[in-house]
Amino acid sequence: MMKLILAAAIAALPMLAHADAAEDALEARQGFMKMLSINMGTLSGMAKGDIAYDAAAATQAGANIEALSQYSLPALFIEGTSVDDGVETEALPAIWSNSDDFATKFAGLQEAAAGAGAAVGGGQDAIGPALQQLGGACKACHDDYREK
């Protein structure tokens, strides 16, 4: 009996590792989006005048967005992290079936984010054009791959 329990426990280990990897990927993905949202919100607030323009804070938010965009977000959309797997996520299953297009759209964010830190540090009027580029890249992905 003890051998049977031990064999079952050993057989279950790979499933636990997979569950942990999926959970970790999902949490990292959601954390990425939260950090991106916080920094976009800072810039948006400054552009609208809801937050007083602060060159250092704007530059830091832009630099954070630049840094985040260099992370390989598409790599976090692994097996076991889709709504089809019973996971609570706003990511649509189309990400997994159109992974090349998703990666291309994420590359659009990387391109839009390049130089964002320096661009938004040039005054409140400089934030709007940078946000348009960033927002356009976000929208391109969200239109096809995020639950509305």
N, C-alpha and C. Protein backbone atom coordinates (compact mmCIF):
# COMPACT_ATOMS: atom_id res chain seq x y z
N MET A 1 0.82 -1.19 0.00
CA MET A 1 0.00 0.00 0.00
C MET A 1 0.87 1.25 0.00
N MET A 2 1.92 1.23 0.81
CA MET A 2 2.81 2.38 0.90
C MET A 2 3.49 2.64 -0.44
N LYS A 3 3.87 1.56 -1.15
CA LYS A 3 4.51 1.71 -2.45
C LYS A 3 3.55 2.35 -3.45
N LEU A 4 2.28 2.01 -3.37
CA LEU A 4 1.27 2.57 -4.26
C LEU A 4 1.12 4.07 -4.01
N ILE A 5 1.07 4.46 -2.76
CA ILE A 5 0.95 5.88 -2.41
C ILE A 5 2.19 6.65 -2.88
N LEU A 6 3.35 6.07 -2.66
CA LEU A 6 4.60 6.71 -3.09
C LEU A 6 4.64 6.85 -4.61
N ALA A 7 4.23 5.82 -5.32
CA ALA A 7 4.22 5.86 -6.79
C ALA A 7 3.24 6.93 -7.28
N ALA A 8 2.08 7.03 -6.65
CA ALA A 8 1.09 8.04 -7.04
C ALA A 8 1.63 9.45 -6.77
N ALA A 9 2.30 9.62 -5.66
CA ALA A 9 2.87 10.94 -5.32
C ALA A 9 3.95 11.33 -6.32
N ILE A 10 4.79 10.39 -6.69
CA ILE A 10 5.86 10.67 -7.66
C ILE A 10 5.25 10.98 -9.02
N ALA A 11 4.23 10.25 -9.41
CA ALA A 11 3.58 10.49 -10.70
C ALA A 11 2.90 11.85 -10.74
N ALA A 12 2.46 12.35 -9.61
CA ALA A 12 1.76 13.64 -9.56
C ALA A 12 2.71 14.84 -9.60
N LEU A 13 3.98 14.64 -9.32
CA LEU A 13 4.94 15.76 -9.27
C LEU A 13 5.00 16.57 -10.56
N PRO A 14 5.08 15.95 -11.75
CA PRO A 14 5.12 16.76 -12.97
C PRO A 14 3.86 17.61 -13.15
N MET A 15 2.72 17.10 -12.73
CA MET A 15 1.48 17.88 -12.84
C MET A 15 1.53 19.09 -11.93
N LEU A 16 2.09 18.93 -10.75
CA LEU A 16 2.21 20.06 -9.83
C LEU A 16 3.16 21.10 -10.39
N ALA A 17 4.26 20.66 -10.97
CA ALA A 17 5.22 21.60 -11.56
C ALA A 17 4.57 22.37 -12.70
N HIS A 18 3.77 21.68 -13.52
CA HIS A 18 3.08 22.34 -14.62
C HIS A 18 2.07 23.35 -14.09
N ALA A 19 1.34 22.97 -13.05
CA ALA A 19 0.35 23.88 -12.46
C ALA A 19 1.04 25.12 -11.92
N ASP A 20 2.18 24.93 -11.26
CA ASP A 20 2.93 26.08 -10.74
C ASP A 20 3.43 26.97 -11.87
N ALA A 21 3.93 26.38 -12.95
CA ALA A 21 4.43 27.16 -14.08
C ALA A 21 3.30 27.96 -14.71
N ALA A 22 2.14 27.34 -14.87
CA ALA A 22 1.00 28.05 -15.45
C ALA A 22 0.54 29.18 -14.54
N GLU A 23 0.46 28.91 -13.26
CA GLU A 23 0.04 29.94 -12.30
C GLU A 23 1.05 31.09 -12.26
N ASP A 24 2.33 30.75 -12.28
CA ASP A 24 3.38 31.77 -12.28
C ASP A 24 3.30 32.63 -13.54
N ALA A 25 3.10 31.98 -14.69
CA ALA A 25 3.01 32.72 -15.95
C ALA A 25 1.80 33.65 -15.95
N LEU A 26 0.68 33.16 -15.46
CA LEU A 26 -0.53 33.98 -15.40
C LEU A 26 -0.33 35.18 -14.48
N GLU A 27 0.24 34.95 -13.30
CA GLU A 27 0.48 36.04 -12.35
C GLU A 27 1.47 37.06 -12.92
N ALA A 28 2.51 36.58 -13.58
CA ALA A 28 3.49 37.49 -14.18
C ALA A 28 2.85 38.32 -15.28
N ARG A 29 2.03 37.68 -16.10
CA ARG A 29 1.34 38.37 -17.20
C ARG A 29 0.43 39.46 -16.66
N GLN A 30 -0.34 39.13 -15.64
CA GLN A 30 -1.26 40.10 -15.05
C GLN A 30 -0.49 41.22 -14.35
N GLY A 31 0.62 40.89 -13.72
CA GLY A 31 1.46 41.90 -13.09
C GLY A 31 2.06 42.85 -14.12
N PHE A 32 2.48 42.29 -15.24
CA PHE A 32 3.01 43.09 -16.34
C PHE A 32 1.97 44.12 -16.77
N MET A 33 0.75 43.65 -17.01
CA MET A 33 -0.32 44.55 -17.47
C MET A 33 -0.64 45.61 -16.42
N LYS A 34 -0.60 45.25 -15.16
CA LYS A 34 -0.86 46.21 -14.09
C LYS A 34 0.22 47.28 -14.06
N MET A 35 1.48 46.88 -14.15
CA MET A 35 2.56 47.87 -14.14
C MET A 35 2.49 48.79 -15.36
N LEU A 36 2.16 48.22 -16.51
CA LEU A 36 2.01 49.03 -17.71
C LEU A 36 0.88 50.03 -17.53
N SER A 37 -0.23 49.57 -16.98
CA SER A 37 -1.40 50.42 -16.75
C SER A 37 -1.09 51.56 -15.78
N ILE A 38 -0.37 51.28 -14.73
CA ILE A 38 -0.02 52.32 -13.75
C ILE A 38 0.80 53.42 -14.41
N ASN A 39 1.79 53.04 -15.20
CA ASN A 39 2.65 54.02 -15.85
C ASN A 39 1.93 54.77 -16.96
N MET A 40 1.08 54.08 -17.71
CA MET A 40 0.27 54.76 -18.73
C MET A 40 -0.69 55.74 -18.04
N GLY A 41 -1.23 55.34 -16.90
CA GLY A 41 -2.14 56.21 -16.15
C GLY A 41 -1.46 57.48 -15.67
N THR A 42 -0.22 57.36 -15.24
CA THR A 42 0.54 58.54 -14.82
C THR A 42 0.67 59.51 -15.98
N LEU A 43 1.07 59.00 -17.13
CA LEU A 43 1.24 59.86 -18.30
C LEU A 43 -0.09 60.43 -18.78
N SER A 44 -1.12 59.62 -18.76
CA SER A 44 -2.44 60.08 -19.18
C SER A 44 -2.94 61.19 -18.26
N GLY A 45 -2.75 61.01 -16.97
CA GLY A 45 -3.17 62.03 -16.00
C GLY A 45 -2.44 63.34 -16.23
N MET A 46 -1.15 63.28 -16.54
CA MET A 46 -0.39 64.49 -16.81
C MET A 46 -0.84 65.14 -18.12
N ALA A 47 -1.09 64.32 -19.13
CA ALA A 47 -1.52 64.86 -20.42
C ALA A 47 -2.85 65.59 -20.30
N LYS A 48 -3.76 65.06 -19.49
CA LYS A 48 -5.09 65.66 -19.30
C LYS A 48 -5.06 66.83 -18.32
N GLY A 49 -3.98 66.96 -17.57
CA GLY A 49 -3.90 68.01 -16.57
C GLY A 49 -4.49 67.60 -15.23
N ASP A 50 -4.87 66.32 -15.10
CA ASP A 50 -5.40 65.82 -13.82
C ASP A 50 -4.28 65.66 -12.80
N ILE A 51 -3.08 65.47 -13.29
CA ILE A 51 -1.88 65.36 -12.45
C ILE A 51 -0.94 66.46 -12.93
N ALA A 52 -0.36 67.20 -12.00
CA ALA A 52 0.58 68.25 -12.38
C ALA A 52 1.76 67.64 -13.13
N TYR A 53 2.14 68.27 -14.23
CA TYR A 53 3.28 67.77 -15.00
C TYR A 53 4.54 67.85 -14.15
N ASP A 54 5.26 66.76 -14.14
CA ASP A 54 6.53 66.66 -13.43
C ASP A 54 7.47 65.92 -14.38
N ALA A 55 8.47 66.62 -14.90
CA ALA A 55 9.36 66.04 -15.90
C ALA A 55 10.02 64.76 -15.41
N ALA A 56 10.46 64.74 -14.17
CA ALA A 56 11.14 63.55 -13.64
C ALA A 56 10.18 62.37 -13.55
N ALA A 57 8.96 62.62 -13.07
CA ALA A 57 7.97 61.54 -12.96
C ALA A 57 7.54 61.05 -14.34
N ALA A 58 7.37 61.97 -15.27
CA ALA A 58 6.98 61.59 -16.63
C ALA A 58 8.09 60.76 -17.28
N THR A 59 9.31 61.23 -17.13
CA THR A 59 10.45 60.51 -17.70
C THR A 59 10.55 59.11 -17.10
N GLN A 60 10.34 59.00 -15.79
CA GLN A 60 10.40 57.69 -15.13
C GLN A 60 9.29 56.78 -15.64
N ALA A 61 8.07 57.30 -15.76
CA ALA A 61 6.96 56.49 -16.27
C ALA A 61 7.25 56.02 -17.69
N GLY A 62 7.76 56.92 -18.52
CA GLY A 62 8.10 56.55 -19.90
C GLY A 62 9.21 55.51 -19.93
N ALA A 63 10.21 55.69 -19.08
CA ALA A 63 11.31 54.72 -19.01
C ALA A 63 10.81 53.36 -18.51
N ASN A 64 9.88 53.38 -17.58
CA ASN A 64 9.30 52.12 -17.08
C ASN A 64 8.57 51.39 -18.21
N ILE A 65 7.82 52.14 -19.01
CA ILE A 65 7.10 51.54 -20.14
C ILE A 65 8.10 50.96 -21.14
N GLU A 66 9.16 51.71 -21.41
CA GLU A 66 10.22 51.21 -22.30
C GLU A 66 10.78 49.88 -21.77
N ALA A 67 11.11 49.87 -20.49
CA ALA A 67 11.69 48.66 -19.88
C ALA A 67 10.71 47.50 -19.92
N LEU A 68 9.46 47.76 -19.59
CA LEU A 68 8.45 46.70 -19.62
C LEU A 68 8.30 46.12 -21.02
N SER A 69 8.35 46.98 -22.01
CA SER A 69 8.14 46.52 -23.39
C SER A 69 9.25 45.57 -23.84
N GLN A 70 10.38 45.59 -23.17
CA GLN A 70 11.48 44.71 -23.55
C GLN A 70 11.33 43.30 -22.97
N TYR A 71 10.39 43.14 -22.06
CA TYR A 71 10.12 41.82 -21.50
C TYR A 71 9.40 40.98 -22.55
N SER A 72 9.63 39.71 -22.59
CA SER A 72 9.00 38.84 -23.58
C SER A 72 7.62 38.40 -23.10
N LEU A 73 6.66 39.31 -23.17
CA LEU A 73 5.30 39.00 -22.74
C LEU A 73 4.71 37.79 -23.48
N PRO A 74 4.88 37.67 -24.80
CA PRO A 74 4.30 36.51 -25.47
C PRO A 74 4.73 35.17 -24.88
N ALA A 75 5.91 35.11 -24.29
CA ALA A 75 6.40 33.86 -23.69
C ALA A 75 5.59 33.45 -22.47
N LEU A 76 4.80 34.36 -21.91
CA LEU A 76 3.99 34.05 -20.73
C LEU A 76 2.63 33.46 -21.08
N PHE A 77 2.32 33.36 -22.36
CA PHE A 77 1.05 32.77 -22.78
C PHE A 77 1.29 31.30 -23.07
N ILE A 78 1.48 30.55 -21.99
CA ILE A 78 1.82 29.14 -22.10
C ILE A 78 0.57 28.27 -21.96
N GLU A 79 0.73 27.00 -22.29
CA GLU A 79 -0.34 26.02 -22.14
C GLU A 79 -0.81 26.02 -20.68
N GLY A 80 -2.12 25.99 -20.51
CA GLY A 80 -2.69 25.95 -19.17
C GLY A 80 -3.06 27.31 -18.62
N THR A 81 -2.90 28.38 -19.43
CA THR A 81 -3.20 29.73 -18.94
C THR A 81 -4.29 30.42 -19.75
N SER A 82 -5.05 29.66 -20.50
CA SER A 82 -6.13 30.22 -21.32
C SER A 82 -7.46 30.07 -20.60
N VAL A 83 -8.40 30.89 -20.98
CA VAL A 83 -9.76 30.76 -20.45
C VAL A 83 -10.31 29.37 -20.81
N ASP A 84 -9.83 28.80 -21.91
CA ASP A 84 -10.23 27.44 -22.30
C ASP A 84 -9.74 26.40 -21.30
N ASP A 85 -8.76 26.76 -20.49
CA ASP A 85 -8.23 25.88 -19.46
C ASP A 85 -8.91 26.11 -18.12
N GLY A 86 -9.93 26.98 -18.12
CA GLY A 86 -10.66 27.28 -16.89
C GLY A 86 -10.01 28.37 -16.06
N VAL A 87 -9.09 29.10 -16.65
CA VAL A 87 -8.37 30.16 -15.95
C VAL A 87 -9.13 31.47 -16.11
N GLU A 88 -9.17 32.26 -15.02
CA GLU A 88 -9.79 33.58 -15.09
C GLU A 88 -8.80 34.54 -15.72
N THR A 89 -9.08 34.97 -16.93
CA THR A 89 -8.19 35.87 -17.66
C THR A 89 -8.99 36.64 -18.69
N GLU A 90 -8.53 37.83 -19.02
CA GLU A 90 -9.15 38.62 -20.08
C GLU A 90 -8.52 38.30 -21.43
N ALA A 91 -7.49 37.47 -21.44
CA ALA A 91 -6.81 37.08 -22.68
C ALA A 91 -7.71 36.12 -23.45
N LEU A 92 -7.97 36.45 -24.70
CA LEU A 92 -8.82 35.60 -25.53
C LEU A 92 -8.02 34.40 -26.07
N PRO A 93 -8.69 33.28 -26.31
CA PRO A 93 -8.01 32.09 -26.84
C PRO A 93 -7.32 32.34 -28.18
N ALA A 94 -7.72 33.39 -28.88
CA ALA A 94 -7.09 33.71 -30.17
C ALA A 94 -5.59 33.94 -30.03
N ILE A 95 -5.13 34.32 -28.86
CA ILE A 95 -3.68 34.52 -28.65
C ILE A 95 -2.93 33.23 -28.95
N TRP A 96 -3.45 32.12 -28.49
CA TRP A 96 -2.77 30.85 -28.66
C TRP A 96 -2.88 30.35 -30.11
N SER A 97 -3.98 30.65 -30.78
CA SER A 97 -4.13 30.18 -32.16
C SER A 97 -3.49 31.13 -33.17
N ASN A 98 -3.22 32.37 -32.77
CA ASN A 98 -2.59 33.36 -33.65
C ASN A 98 -1.33 33.93 -32.99
N SER A 99 -0.51 33.06 -32.45
CA SER A 99 0.63 33.53 -31.66
C SER A 99 1.61 34.39 -32.45
N ASP A 100 1.77 34.13 -33.74
CA ASP A 100 2.68 34.95 -34.54
C ASP A 100 2.16 36.37 -34.68
N ASP A 101 0.86 36.51 -34.92
CA ASP A 101 0.26 37.85 -35.03
C ASP A 101 0.33 38.57 -33.69
N PHE A 102 0.07 37.83 -32.61
CA PHE A 102 0.15 38.41 -31.27
C PHE A 102 1.57 38.94 -31.01
N ALA A 103 2.57 38.15 -31.36
CA ALA A 103 3.96 38.56 -31.16
C ALA A 103 4.29 39.79 -32.01
N THR A 104 3.76 39.84 -33.22
CA THR A 104 3.97 41.00 -34.10
C THR A 104 3.36 42.25 -33.49
N LYS A 105 2.17 42.10 -32.93
CA LYS A 105 1.51 43.25 -32.31
C LYS A 105 2.25 43.69 -31.05
N PHE A 106 2.79 42.74 -30.31
CA PHE A 106 3.59 43.11 -29.14
C PHE A 106 4.86 43.84 -29.58
N ALA A 107 5.43 43.43 -30.69
CA ALA A 107 6.60 44.14 -31.24
C ALA A 107 6.23 45.59 -31.57
N GLY A 108 4.97 45.82 -31.94
CA GLY A 108 4.50 47.18 -32.17
C GLY A 108 4.55 48.02 -30.90
N LEU A 109 4.25 47.40 -29.76
CA LEU A 109 4.37 48.11 -28.48
C LEU A 109 5.84 48.42 -28.21
N GLN A 110 6.70 47.47 -28.47
CA GLN A 110 8.13 47.70 -28.25
C GLN A 110 8.62 48.88 -29.09
N GLU A 111 8.17 48.94 -30.32
CA GLU A 111 8.56 50.04 -31.20
C GLU A 111 8.00 51.37 -30.69
N ALA A 112 6.74 51.38 -30.28
CA ALA A 112 6.11 52.61 -29.78
C ALA A 112 6.76 53.08 -28.49
N ALA A 113 7.22 52.14 -27.68
CA ALA A 113 7.81 52.49 -26.37
C ALA A 113 9.26 52.96 -26.47
N ALA A 114 9.91 52.65 -27.58
CA ALA A 114 11.31 53.05 -27.73
C ALA A 114 11.43 54.57 -27.65
N GLY A 115 12.22 55.02 -26.72
CA GLY A 115 12.43 56.46 -26.55
C GLY A 115 11.34 57.18 -25.79
N ALA A 116 10.38 56.45 -25.23
CA ALA A 116 9.26 57.09 -24.53
C ALA A 116 9.73 57.90 -23.33
N GLY A 117 10.70 57.40 -22.61
CA GLY A 117 11.19 58.12 -21.43
C GLY A 117 11.70 59.50 -21.78
N ALA A 118 12.50 59.58 -22.82
CA ALA A 118 13.04 60.88 -23.24
C ALA A 118 11.95 61.75 -23.84
N ALA A 119 11.06 61.16 -24.61
CA ALA A 119 10.02 61.93 -25.29
C ALA A 119 9.09 62.64 -24.32
N VAL A 120 8.64 61.95 -23.29
CA VAL A 120 7.66 62.55 -22.38
C VAL A 120 8.29 63.52 -21.39
N GLY A 121 9.60 63.51 -21.30
CA GLY A 121 10.29 64.45 -20.42
C GLY A 121 10.41 65.83 -21.02
N GLY A 122 9.97 65.99 -22.26
CA GLY A 122 10.11 67.26 -22.97
C GLY A 122 8.98 68.25 -22.73
N GLY A 123 8.16 68.02 -21.74
CA GLY A 123 7.07 68.94 -21.43
C GLY A 123 5.72 68.27 -21.58
N GLN A 124 4.71 68.88 -20.97
CA GLN A 124 3.37 68.30 -20.98
C GLN A 124 2.86 68.08 -22.41
N ASP A 125 3.18 68.99 -23.31
CA ASP A 125 2.72 68.86 -24.70
C ASP A 125 3.35 67.66 -25.42
N ALA A 126 4.45 67.17 -24.93
CA ALA A 126 5.13 66.03 -25.55
C ALA A 126 4.47 64.70 -25.17
N ILE A 127 3.69 64.70 -24.12
CA ILE A 127 3.09 63.44 -23.65
C ILE A 127 2.03 62.93 -24.62
N GLY A 128 1.19 63.83 -25.13
CA GLY A 128 0.09 63.43 -26.01
C GLY A 128 0.54 62.59 -27.20
N PRO A 129 1.50 63.06 -27.99
CA PRO A 129 1.95 62.26 -29.13
C PRO A 129 2.53 60.90 -28.72
N ALA A 130 3.26 60.87 -27.63
CA ALA A 130 3.82 59.60 -27.15
C ALA A 130 2.70 58.65 -26.73
N LEU A 131 1.70 59.19 -26.04
CA LEU A 131 0.56 58.36 -25.61
C LEU A 131 -0.24 57.85 -26.80
N GLN A 132 -0.34 58.66 -27.85
CA GLN A 132 -1.07 58.20 -29.04
C GLN A 132 -0.39 56.97 -29.63
N GLN A 133 0.93 57.02 -29.73
CA GLN A 133 1.66 55.87 -30.26
C GLN A 133 1.50 54.66 -29.35
N LEU A 134 1.70 54.87 -28.06
CA LEU A 134 1.59 53.76 -27.11
C LEU A 134 0.17 53.20 -27.08
N GLY A 135 -0.80 54.10 -27.00
CA GLY A 135 -2.19 53.67 -26.96
C GLY A 135 -2.61 52.93 -28.21
N GLY A 136 -2.10 53.38 -29.36
CA GLY A 136 -2.40 52.69 -30.61
C GLY A 136 -1.87 51.27 -30.62
N ALA A 137 -0.67 51.10 -30.07
CA ALA A 137 -0.08 49.76 -29.99
C ALA A 137 -0.87 48.88 -29.03
N CYS A 138 -1.28 49.45 -27.90
CA CYS A 138 -2.09 48.69 -26.94
C CYS A 138 -3.42 48.29 -27.58
N LYS A 139 -4.06 49.24 -28.25
CA LYS A 139 -5.37 48.99 -28.87
C LYS A 139 -5.28 47.91 -29.95
N ALA A 140 -4.22 47.94 -30.74
CA ALA A 140 -4.06 46.95 -31.80
C ALA A 140 -4.12 45.54 -31.25
N CYS A 141 -3.53 45.35 -30.09
CA CYS A 141 -3.53 44.03 -29.47
C CYS A 141 -4.86 43.76 -28.76
N HIS A 142 -5.32 44.73 -28.00
CA HIS A 142 -6.54 44.54 -27.22
C HIS A 142 -7.77 44.31 -28.10
N ASP A 143 -7.82 44.94 -29.26
CA ASP A 143 -8.96 44.75 -30.15
C ASP A 143 -9.15 43.29 -30.53
N ASP A 144 -8.06 42.59 -30.74
CA ASP A 144 -8.13 41.20 -31.18
C ASP A 144 -7.95 40.16 -30.08
N TYR A 145 -7.27 40.55 -29.01
CA TYR A 145 -6.83 39.54 -28.06
C TYR A 145 -7.24 39.76 -26.61
N ARG A 146 -8.06 40.76 -26.35
CA ARG A 146 -8.50 41.00 -24.97
C ARG A 146 -10.02 40.99 -24.91
N GLU A 147 -10.52 40.30 -23.90
CA GLU A 147 -11.97 40.26 -23.69
C GLU A 147 -12.46 41.67 -23.40
N LYS A 148 -13.53 42.04 -24.05
CA LYS A 148 -14.07 43.39 -23.87
C LYS A 148 -15.05 43.45 -22.73
